[in-house]
N, C-alpha and C. Protein backbone atom coordinates (compact mmCIF):
# COMPACT_ATOMS: atom_id res chain seq x y z
N MET A 1 105.33 114.46 241.06
CA MET A 1 105.69 113.86 239.82
C MET A 1 104.51 113.76 238.89
N SER A 2 104.81 113.66 237.66
CA SER A 2 103.80 113.59 236.62
C SER A 2 103.32 112.16 236.44
N SER A 3 102.10 112.04 235.98
CA SER A 3 101.55 110.71 235.76
C SER A 3 101.95 110.15 234.39
N ILE A 4 102.64 110.98 233.59
CA ILE A 4 103.07 110.53 232.27
C ILE A 4 104.42 109.84 232.42
N PRO A 5 104.55 108.64 231.85
CA PRO A 5 105.85 107.95 231.93
C PRO A 5 106.92 108.74 231.23
N SER A 6 108.15 108.65 231.70
CA SER A 6 109.27 109.44 231.17
C SER A 6 109.54 109.25 229.69
N PRO A 7 109.41 108.08 229.06
CA PRO A 7 109.65 108.01 227.61
C PRO A 7 108.62 108.82 226.82
N LEU A 8 107.42 109.05 227.37
CA LEU A 8 106.39 109.80 226.65
C LEU A 8 106.54 111.31 226.83
N LEU A 9 107.35 111.76 227.81
CA LEU A 9 107.57 113.20 227.98
C LEU A 9 108.22 113.80 226.74
N PHE A 10 109.06 113.04 226.08
CA PHE A 10 109.70 113.50 224.85
C PHE A 10 108.65 113.83 223.80
N LEU A 11 107.63 112.96 223.68
CA LEU A 11 106.55 113.20 222.72
C LEU A 11 105.74 114.44 223.12
N LEU A 12 105.53 114.62 224.40
CA LEU A 12 104.80 115.78 224.89
C LEU A 12 105.56 117.07 224.55
N ASP A 13 106.89 117.07 224.73
CA ASP A 13 107.70 118.24 224.36
C ASP A 13 107.61 118.50 222.86
N GLU A 14 107.58 117.45 222.08
CA GLU A 14 107.49 117.59 220.63
C GLU A 14 106.14 118.19 220.24
N ASP A 15 105.08 117.76 220.90
CA ASP A 15 103.75 118.32 220.61
C ASP A 15 103.67 119.79 221.01
N LEU A 16 104.24 120.14 222.16
CA LEU A 16 104.26 121.54 222.58
C LEU A 16 105.07 122.39 221.61
N HIS A 17 106.20 121.84 221.16
CA HIS A 17 107.03 122.56 220.19
C HIS A 17 106.26 122.78 218.89
N GLU A 18 105.54 121.78 218.41
CA GLU A 18 104.75 121.88 217.18
C GLU A 18 103.62 122.89 217.36
N LEU A 19 102.98 122.87 218.51
CA LEU A 19 101.91 123.82 218.80
C LEU A 19 102.45 125.25 218.82
N HIS A 20 103.59 125.45 219.47
CA HIS A 20 104.23 126.76 219.53
C HIS A 20 104.60 127.24 218.12
N ARG A 21 105.14 126.34 217.31
CA ARG A 21 105.53 126.67 215.93
C ARG A 21 104.29 127.07 215.12
N SER A 22 103.19 126.35 215.26
CA SER A 22 101.95 126.66 214.55
C SER A 22 101.41 128.03 214.96
N LEU A 23 101.48 128.35 216.24
CA LEU A 23 101.01 129.66 216.72
C LEU A 23 101.85 130.79 216.14
N VAL A 24 103.17 130.62 216.10
CA VAL A 24 104.05 131.65 215.54
C VAL A 24 103.76 131.83 214.06
N LEU A 25 103.59 130.74 213.30
CA LEU A 25 103.27 130.84 211.87
C LEU A 25 101.93 131.53 211.65
N ALA A 26 100.95 131.24 212.49
CA ALA A 26 99.64 131.89 212.37
C ALA A 26 99.75 133.38 212.62
N GLN A 27 100.55 133.80 213.59
CA GLN A 27 100.74 135.22 213.88
C GLN A 27 101.44 135.92 212.71
N ILE A 28 102.46 135.27 212.15
CA ILE A 28 103.17 135.87 211.01
C ILE A 28 102.23 135.98 209.81
N SER A 29 101.45 134.93 209.54
CA SER A 29 100.50 134.96 208.42
C SER A 29 99.48 136.06 208.61
N SER A 30 98.98 136.22 209.81
CA SER A 30 98.01 137.26 210.10
C SER A 30 98.60 138.65 209.85
N ALA A 31 99.83 138.84 210.27
CA ALA A 31 100.49 140.13 210.05
C ALA A 31 100.67 140.41 208.56
N LEU A 32 101.05 139.39 207.78
CA LEU A 32 101.23 139.56 206.33
C LEU A 32 99.90 139.89 205.65
N VAL A 33 98.83 139.23 206.06
CA VAL A 33 97.51 139.52 205.49
C VAL A 33 97.10 140.95 205.79
N CYS A 34 97.35 141.42 207.00
CA CYS A 34 97.01 142.80 207.37
C CYS A 34 97.79 143.80 206.52
N VAL A 35 99.08 143.56 206.31
CA VAL A 35 99.91 144.45 205.50
C VAL A 35 99.41 144.46 204.06
N ALA A 36 99.09 143.29 203.51
CA ALA A 36 98.60 143.20 202.13
C ALA A 36 97.27 143.93 201.98
N ALA A 37 96.37 143.75 202.93
CA ALA A 37 95.07 144.42 202.87
C ALA A 37 95.23 145.94 202.96
N PHE A 38 96.09 146.40 203.84
CA PHE A 38 96.34 147.83 203.99
C PHE A 38 96.89 148.41 202.68
N HIS A 39 97.84 147.73 202.07
CA HIS A 39 98.42 148.20 200.81
C HIS A 39 97.36 148.22 199.70
N SER A 40 96.54 147.19 199.64
CA SER A 40 95.50 147.11 198.62
C SER A 40 94.50 148.25 198.77
N LEU A 41 94.06 148.52 199.99
CA LEU A 41 93.11 149.62 200.21
C LEU A 41 93.72 150.96 199.87
N ASN A 42 94.98 151.17 200.23
CA ASN A 42 95.63 152.45 199.92
C ASN A 42 95.77 152.65 198.43
N SER A 43 96.11 151.61 197.68
CA SER A 43 96.28 151.77 196.24
C SER A 43 94.94 152.04 195.57
N GLN A 44 93.84 151.45 196.08
CA GLN A 44 92.52 151.73 195.53
C GLN A 44 92.10 153.16 195.82
N GLU A 45 92.38 153.67 197.01
CA GLU A 45 92.03 155.04 197.35
C GLU A 45 92.79 156.02 196.48
N GLU A 46 94.06 155.76 196.22
CA GLU A 46 94.84 156.65 195.37
C GLU A 46 94.26 156.68 193.97
N HIS A 47 93.83 155.53 193.45
CA HIS A 47 93.27 155.48 192.10
C HIS A 47 91.93 156.21 192.03
N LEU A 48 91.09 156.06 193.07
CA LEU A 48 89.81 156.73 193.07
C LEU A 48 89.97 158.24 193.13
N ASP A 49 90.90 158.73 193.92
CA ASP A 49 91.11 160.18 194.02
C ASP A 49 91.69 160.73 192.73
N GLY A 50 92.52 159.96 192.05
CA GLY A 50 93.19 160.44 190.84
C GLY A 50 92.28 160.47 189.63
N GLY A 51 91.13 159.83 189.68
CA GLY A 51 90.23 159.79 188.55
C GLY A 51 90.65 158.76 187.52
N ALA A 52 89.99 158.79 186.39
CA ALA A 52 90.29 157.83 185.32
C ALA A 52 91.60 158.21 184.65
N GLU A 53 92.22 157.21 184.08
CA GLU A 53 93.48 157.47 183.40
C GLU A 53 93.20 158.21 182.09
N THR A 54 93.98 159.23 181.80
CA THR A 54 93.78 160.06 180.63
C THR A 54 94.29 159.37 179.38
N ILE A 55 93.46 159.40 178.33
CA ILE A 55 93.90 158.93 177.02
C ILE A 55 94.46 160.15 176.31
N HIS A 56 95.75 160.14 176.03
CA HIS A 56 96.38 161.31 175.43
C HIS A 56 96.06 161.37 173.94
N ARG A 57 95.51 162.51 173.55
CA ARG A 57 95.16 162.76 172.15
C ARG A 57 95.78 164.07 171.72
N ILE A 58 96.00 164.19 170.43
CA ILE A 58 96.57 165.43 169.89
C ILE A 58 95.47 166.16 169.15
N ARG A 59 95.14 167.35 169.64
CA ARG A 59 94.12 168.17 168.99
C ARG A 59 94.68 168.73 167.69
N ARG A 60 93.84 168.76 166.68
CA ARG A 60 94.26 169.27 165.38
C ARG A 60 93.96 170.77 165.31
N ASP A 61 94.93 171.53 164.80
CA ASP A 61 94.73 172.96 164.60
C ASP A 61 93.82 173.13 163.38
N MET A 62 92.63 173.66 163.58
CA MET A 62 91.65 173.73 162.51
C MET A 62 92.04 174.70 161.41
N ASN A 63 92.72 175.79 161.76
CA ASN A 63 93.16 176.72 160.71
C ASN A 63 94.07 176.01 159.72
N GLU A 64 95.06 175.28 160.24
CA GLU A 64 95.97 174.53 159.37
C GLU A 64 95.23 173.46 158.58
N TYR A 65 94.38 172.72 159.27
CA TYR A 65 93.65 171.61 158.65
C TYR A 65 92.80 172.09 157.48
N ILE A 66 92.09 173.20 157.68
CA ILE A 66 91.22 173.71 156.62
C ILE A 66 92.04 174.31 155.48
N GLU A 67 93.13 174.99 155.80
CA GLU A 67 93.97 175.57 154.76
C GLU A 67 94.64 174.50 153.89
N GLN A 68 94.96 173.35 154.48
CA GLN A 68 95.59 172.27 153.72
C GLN A 68 94.63 171.64 152.71
N MET A 69 93.34 171.70 153.00
CA MET A 69 92.35 171.07 152.13
C MET A 69 92.10 171.91 150.89
N ASP A 70 91.95 171.24 149.75
CA ASP A 70 91.55 172.00 148.56
C ASP A 70 90.05 172.28 148.65
N ASN A 71 89.57 173.21 147.83
CA ASN A 71 88.17 173.65 147.91
C ASN A 71 87.19 172.51 147.65
N ARG A 72 87.52 171.65 146.69
CA ARG A 72 86.64 170.53 146.36
C ARG A 72 86.54 169.56 147.54
N GLY A 73 87.67 169.21 148.14
CA GLY A 73 87.68 168.30 149.28
C GLY A 73 86.92 168.88 150.47
N PHE A 74 87.10 170.18 150.68
CA PHE A 74 86.40 170.84 151.79
C PHE A 74 84.89 170.80 151.56
N ARG A 75 84.49 171.11 150.34
CA ARG A 75 83.06 171.13 150.02
C ARG A 75 82.45 169.73 150.16
N ARG A 76 83.19 168.70 149.80
CA ARG A 76 82.68 167.32 149.92
C ARG A 76 82.54 166.92 151.39
N ARG A 77 83.44 167.39 152.23
CA ARG A 77 83.38 167.02 153.65
C ARG A 77 82.35 167.82 154.43
N TYR A 78 82.17 169.09 154.06
CA TYR A 78 81.34 169.98 154.88
C TYR A 78 80.10 170.52 154.18
N ARG A 79 79.97 170.28 152.90
CA ARG A 79 78.83 170.76 152.10
C ARG A 79 78.69 172.28 152.13
N MET A 80 79.81 172.97 152.21
CA MET A 80 79.83 174.43 152.14
C MET A 80 81.24 174.89 151.78
N THR A 81 81.38 176.15 151.46
CA THR A 81 82.71 176.68 151.12
C THR A 81 83.47 177.02 152.40
N LYS A 82 84.77 177.25 152.23
CA LYS A 82 85.59 177.63 153.39
C LYS A 82 85.13 178.98 153.95
N ALA A 83 84.83 179.92 153.05
CA ALA A 83 84.36 181.24 153.50
C ALA A 83 83.04 181.11 154.26
N GLY A 84 82.16 180.23 153.78
CA GLY A 84 80.89 180.00 154.47
C GLY A 84 81.10 179.40 155.85
N PHE A 85 82.09 178.52 155.97
CA PHE A 85 82.41 177.91 157.27
C PHE A 85 82.81 178.98 158.27
N TRP A 86 83.75 179.85 157.86
CA TRP A 86 84.24 180.88 158.79
C TRP A 86 83.15 181.90 159.11
N THR A 87 82.29 182.21 158.14
CA THR A 87 81.17 183.13 158.39
C THR A 87 80.20 182.52 159.40
N LEU A 88 79.85 181.25 159.20
CA LEU A 88 78.95 180.57 160.13
C LEU A 88 79.56 180.52 161.53
N LEU A 89 80.86 180.26 161.61
CA LEU A 89 81.52 180.23 162.92
C LEU A 89 81.44 181.59 163.60
N ASP A 90 81.66 182.67 162.84
CA ASP A 90 81.56 184.01 163.43
C ASP A 90 80.16 184.28 163.98
N ILE A 91 79.14 183.78 163.28
CA ILE A 91 77.76 184.03 163.70
C ILE A 91 77.41 183.26 164.97
N ILE A 92 77.81 182.00 165.05
CA ILE A 92 77.35 181.16 166.18
C ILE A 92 78.37 181.07 167.32
N GLU A 93 79.54 181.62 167.15
CA GLU A 93 80.62 181.46 168.13
C GLU A 93 80.20 181.88 169.54
N LYS A 94 79.52 183.00 169.65
CA LYS A 94 79.15 183.49 170.99
C LYS A 94 78.04 182.65 171.63
N HIS A 95 77.37 181.81 170.84
CA HIS A 95 76.30 180.96 171.36
C HIS A 95 76.79 179.55 171.68
N LEU A 96 78.02 179.23 171.31
CA LEU A 96 78.58 177.91 171.61
C LEU A 96 79.06 177.88 173.06
N PRO A 97 78.99 176.72 173.70
CA PRO A 97 79.47 176.62 175.09
C PRO A 97 80.98 176.76 175.18
N SER A 98 81.47 176.85 176.37
CA SER A 98 82.90 176.98 176.63
C SER A 98 83.69 175.87 175.96
N THR A 99 84.93 176.17 175.59
CA THR A 99 85.78 175.16 174.95
C THR A 99 86.48 174.28 175.95
N GLY A 100 86.30 174.52 177.23
CA GLY A 100 86.88 173.64 178.25
C GLY A 100 88.12 174.16 178.91
N GLU A 101 88.46 175.45 178.72
CA GLU A 101 89.65 175.98 179.38
C GLU A 101 89.47 175.99 180.90
N LYS A 102 88.25 176.27 181.35
CA LYS A 102 88.00 176.37 182.79
C LYS A 102 87.28 175.11 183.25
N ARG A 103 88.06 174.14 183.65
CA ARG A 103 87.50 172.89 184.17
C ARG A 103 87.58 172.91 185.68
N THR A 104 86.60 172.30 186.33
CA THR A 104 86.60 172.34 187.79
C THR A 104 87.69 171.48 188.40
N ARG A 105 88.04 170.36 187.78
CA ARG A 105 89.06 169.48 188.36
C ARG A 105 90.34 169.59 187.55
N GLY A 106 91.09 170.61 187.75
CA GLY A 106 92.40 170.71 187.12
C GLY A 106 92.33 171.17 185.68
N ALA A 107 93.46 171.05 185.02
CA ALA A 107 93.58 171.50 183.63
C ALA A 107 92.95 170.49 182.68
N VAL A 108 92.69 170.95 181.47
CA VAL A 108 92.18 170.06 180.42
C VAL A 108 93.37 169.24 179.94
N PRO A 109 93.34 167.91 180.12
CA PRO A 109 94.54 167.11 179.86
C PRO A 109 95.02 167.15 178.42
N ASN A 110 94.12 167.16 177.46
CA ASN A 110 94.54 167.15 176.06
C ASN A 110 94.40 168.52 175.39
N GLY A 111 94.08 169.52 176.16
CA GLY A 111 93.89 170.85 175.60
C GLY A 111 92.43 171.07 175.24
N PRO A 112 92.02 172.32 175.17
CA PRO A 112 90.62 172.62 174.87
C PRO A 112 90.27 172.26 173.43
N ILE A 113 88.99 171.99 173.20
CA ILE A 113 88.49 171.75 171.85
C ILE A 113 88.00 173.09 171.34
N SER A 114 88.61 173.58 170.29
CA SER A 114 88.27 174.91 169.78
C SER A 114 86.85 174.91 169.21
N LYS A 115 86.28 176.09 169.13
CA LYS A 115 84.93 176.22 168.58
C LYS A 115 84.92 175.90 167.09
N ALA A 116 86.03 176.18 166.42
CA ALA A 116 86.15 175.81 165.00
C ALA A 116 86.14 174.29 164.86
N ALA A 117 86.80 173.60 165.78
CA ALA A 117 86.80 172.13 165.73
C ALA A 117 85.40 171.59 166.01
N GLY A 118 84.68 172.22 166.93
CA GLY A 118 83.31 171.80 167.22
C GLY A 118 82.41 171.95 166.00
N LEU A 119 82.49 173.10 165.34
CA LEU A 119 81.69 173.31 164.13
C LEU A 119 82.11 172.33 163.04
N SER A 120 83.40 172.11 162.91
CA SER A 120 83.91 171.16 161.92
C SER A 120 83.35 169.76 162.15
N MET A 121 83.36 169.32 163.42
CA MET A 121 82.83 167.98 163.72
C MET A 121 81.34 167.89 163.39
N ALA A 122 80.58 168.92 163.76
CA ALA A 122 79.14 168.89 163.52
C ALA A 122 78.83 168.89 162.02
N LEU A 123 79.46 169.77 161.27
CA LEU A 123 79.19 169.84 159.83
C LEU A 123 79.63 168.56 159.13
N HIS A 124 80.76 168.02 159.55
CA HIS A 124 81.25 166.77 158.96
C HIS A 124 80.25 165.64 159.24
N PHE A 125 79.67 165.62 160.43
CA PHE A 125 78.67 164.61 160.76
C PHE A 125 77.42 164.80 159.90
N PHE A 126 76.95 166.06 159.77
CA PHE A 126 75.75 166.33 158.97
C PHE A 126 75.97 166.00 157.50
N ALA A 127 77.21 166.05 157.05
CA ALA A 127 77.52 165.73 155.66
C ALA A 127 77.66 164.23 155.44
N GLY A 128 77.41 163.44 156.49
CA GLY A 128 77.44 161.99 156.34
C GLY A 128 78.64 161.30 156.93
N GLY A 129 79.46 162.02 157.69
CA GLY A 129 80.65 161.42 158.28
C GLY A 129 80.31 160.52 159.46
N ASP A 130 81.16 159.53 159.70
CA ASP A 130 81.01 158.63 160.83
C ASP A 130 81.61 159.27 162.07
N SER A 131 80.91 159.21 163.19
CA SER A 131 81.38 159.91 164.39
C SER A 131 82.72 159.37 164.90
N LEU A 132 82.99 158.08 164.72
CA LEU A 132 84.28 157.53 165.14
C LEU A 132 85.42 158.07 164.28
N ASP A 133 85.18 158.17 162.97
CA ASP A 133 86.20 158.74 162.09
C ASP A 133 86.42 160.22 162.39
N ILE A 134 85.33 160.92 162.65
CA ILE A 134 85.42 162.35 162.96
C ILE A 134 86.23 162.54 164.24
N ALA A 135 85.97 161.70 165.25
CA ALA A 135 86.70 161.81 166.52
C ALA A 135 88.19 161.58 166.30
N GLU A 136 88.53 160.61 165.48
CA GLU A 136 89.94 160.32 165.23
C GLU A 136 90.62 161.47 164.49
N VAL A 137 89.94 162.04 163.51
CA VAL A 137 90.52 163.15 162.74
C VAL A 137 90.76 164.37 163.62
N HIS A 138 89.83 164.65 164.53
CA HIS A 138 89.91 165.86 165.35
C HIS A 138 90.66 165.66 166.67
N GLY A 139 91.00 164.42 166.98
CA GLY A 139 91.75 164.16 168.21
C GLY A 139 90.92 164.33 169.47
N VAL A 140 89.68 163.82 169.43
CA VAL A 140 88.79 163.91 170.58
C VAL A 140 88.27 162.52 170.94
N GLY A 141 87.55 162.41 172.05
CA GLY A 141 86.97 161.14 172.46
C GLY A 141 85.86 160.71 171.52
N ASP A 142 85.52 159.43 171.56
CA ASP A 142 84.53 158.87 170.64
C ASP A 142 83.14 159.49 170.79
N ASP A 143 82.78 159.96 171.97
CA ASP A 143 81.45 160.51 172.19
C ASP A 143 81.39 162.02 171.94
N GLU A 144 82.52 162.65 171.76
CA GLU A 144 82.56 164.11 171.63
C GLU A 144 81.87 164.63 170.36
N PRO A 145 82.02 164.00 169.17
CA PRO A 145 81.34 164.55 167.99
C PRO A 145 79.83 164.66 168.17
N MET A 146 79.20 163.67 168.79
CA MET A 146 77.75 163.74 168.94
C MET A 146 77.31 164.81 169.94
N SER A 147 78.04 164.99 171.01
CA SER A 147 77.66 166.05 171.95
C SER A 147 77.90 167.42 171.31
N THR A 148 78.92 167.51 170.49
CA THR A 148 79.21 168.77 169.80
C THR A 148 78.15 169.09 168.76
N VAL A 149 77.61 168.06 168.11
CA VAL A 149 76.54 168.27 167.13
C VAL A 149 75.38 169.03 167.79
N TRP A 150 75.00 168.60 168.98
CA TRP A 150 73.86 169.26 169.64
C TRP A 150 74.23 170.65 170.13
N ASP A 151 75.46 170.86 170.50
CA ASP A 151 75.89 172.21 170.88
C ASP A 151 75.78 173.16 169.69
N VAL A 152 76.19 172.68 168.52
CA VAL A 152 76.14 173.52 167.31
C VAL A 152 74.69 173.76 166.90
N VAL A 153 73.85 172.74 166.97
CA VAL A 153 72.43 172.92 166.63
C VAL A 153 71.79 173.96 167.55
N ASP A 154 72.06 173.86 168.84
CA ASP A 154 71.51 174.84 169.78
C ASP A 154 72.03 176.25 169.49
N ALA A 155 73.31 176.37 169.15
CA ALA A 155 73.89 177.68 168.84
C ALA A 155 73.26 178.27 167.59
N ILE A 156 72.99 177.44 166.59
CA ILE A 156 72.35 177.93 165.36
C ILE A 156 70.94 178.41 165.66
N HIS A 157 70.22 177.68 166.50
CA HIS A 157 68.86 178.11 166.86
C HIS A 157 68.85 179.40 167.66
N LYS A 158 69.88 179.64 168.45
CA LYS A 158 69.95 180.84 169.29
C LYS A 158 70.43 182.08 168.54
N ALA A 159 71.09 181.89 167.41
CA ALA A 159 71.68 183.03 166.70
C ALA A 159 70.59 183.85 166.01
N PRO A 160 70.39 185.10 166.44
CA PRO A 160 69.34 185.92 165.82
C PRO A 160 69.68 186.29 164.37
N GLU A 161 70.96 186.30 164.02
CA GLU A 161 71.35 186.65 162.65
C GLU A 161 70.83 185.62 161.65
N LEU A 162 70.68 184.39 162.08
CA LEU A 162 70.20 183.35 161.17
C LEU A 162 68.67 183.33 161.09
N ASN A 163 68.01 183.93 162.08
CA ASN A 163 66.56 184.10 162.08
C ASN A 163 65.81 182.81 161.74
N ILE A 164 66.16 181.74 162.43
CA ILE A 164 65.47 180.47 162.20
C ILE A 164 64.21 180.48 163.05
N SER A 165 63.08 180.25 162.37
CA SER A 165 61.81 180.15 163.09
C SER A 165 61.05 178.96 162.53
N PHE A 166 60.27 178.37 163.37
CA PHE A 166 59.50 177.21 162.99
C PHE A 166 58.03 177.60 162.97
N PRO A 167 57.29 177.12 161.97
CA PRO A 167 55.87 177.49 161.90
C PRO A 167 55.10 176.92 163.09
N GLU A 168 54.19 177.75 163.61
CA GLU A 168 53.41 177.31 164.77
C GLU A 168 52.05 176.77 164.36
N LEU A 169 51.57 177.15 163.19
CA LEU A 169 50.25 176.70 162.74
C LEU A 169 50.38 175.56 161.74
N ILE A 170 49.43 174.66 161.77
CA ILE A 170 49.47 173.50 160.88
C ILE A 170 49.32 173.93 159.42
N CYS A 171 48.54 174.96 159.15
CA CYS A 171 48.36 175.40 157.76
C CYS A 171 49.68 175.86 157.16
N CYS A 172 50.49 176.55 157.97
CA CYS A 172 51.81 176.99 157.48
C CYS A 172 52.72 175.80 157.23
N THR A 173 52.65 174.83 158.10
CA THR A 173 53.46 173.63 157.94
C THR A 173 53.06 172.88 156.68
N ASN A 174 51.77 172.75 156.45
CA ASN A 174 51.29 172.05 155.25
C ASN A 174 51.71 172.77 153.98
N ARG A 175 51.70 174.11 154.02
CA ARG A 175 52.13 174.89 152.85
C ARG A 175 53.61 174.65 152.56
N ILE A 176 54.41 174.54 153.61
CA ILE A 176 55.85 174.27 153.44
C ILE A 176 56.04 172.87 152.86
N TYR A 177 55.30 171.89 153.38
CA TYR A 177 55.42 170.52 152.87
C TYR A 177 54.99 170.43 151.41
N ALA A 178 53.98 171.18 151.03
CA ALA A 178 53.52 171.17 149.64
C ALA A 178 54.59 171.75 148.72
N TRP A 179 55.33 172.72 149.22
CA TRP A 179 56.38 173.35 148.42
C TRP A 179 57.55 172.38 148.20
N ILE A 180 57.81 171.52 149.20
CA ILE A 180 58.92 170.57 149.10
C ILE A 180 58.51 169.49 148.15
């Protein structure tokens, strides 16, 4: 026989029942936490593999855009004539980097940026345009006009038809400064 008096056995059964109930709740809670953690890790892995979310932009067709502009408006935006723009593009086109058709991770989500659009962004910037406004007009990211500016500058320096050379001697440089 037990040393516990019979009226107290009821309390002992109640304590065992409460202990059993607590253990079952702890096991269920543990299982739910494991499922939630597994789901959270899987959703993070899917997002990391998928890359950043694409901001959908509409690229502007430069032929249409330039044709719609009157000569005065074009000259104010680019500081050159339309014919001069197309001539400059023909000269530097082969020295400009790829337009983005061949990307290593899949297709270009918003379409390639044409070389005409790149030249347009650079000239518009050199004429005093704001890079954020230029990006909005051309349907590109906010940082694209500035990177395109340097691509165009490099292409102009590489084009032998433009024959850009910089004086190497100080006397030549001083003569140029005196002329200005």
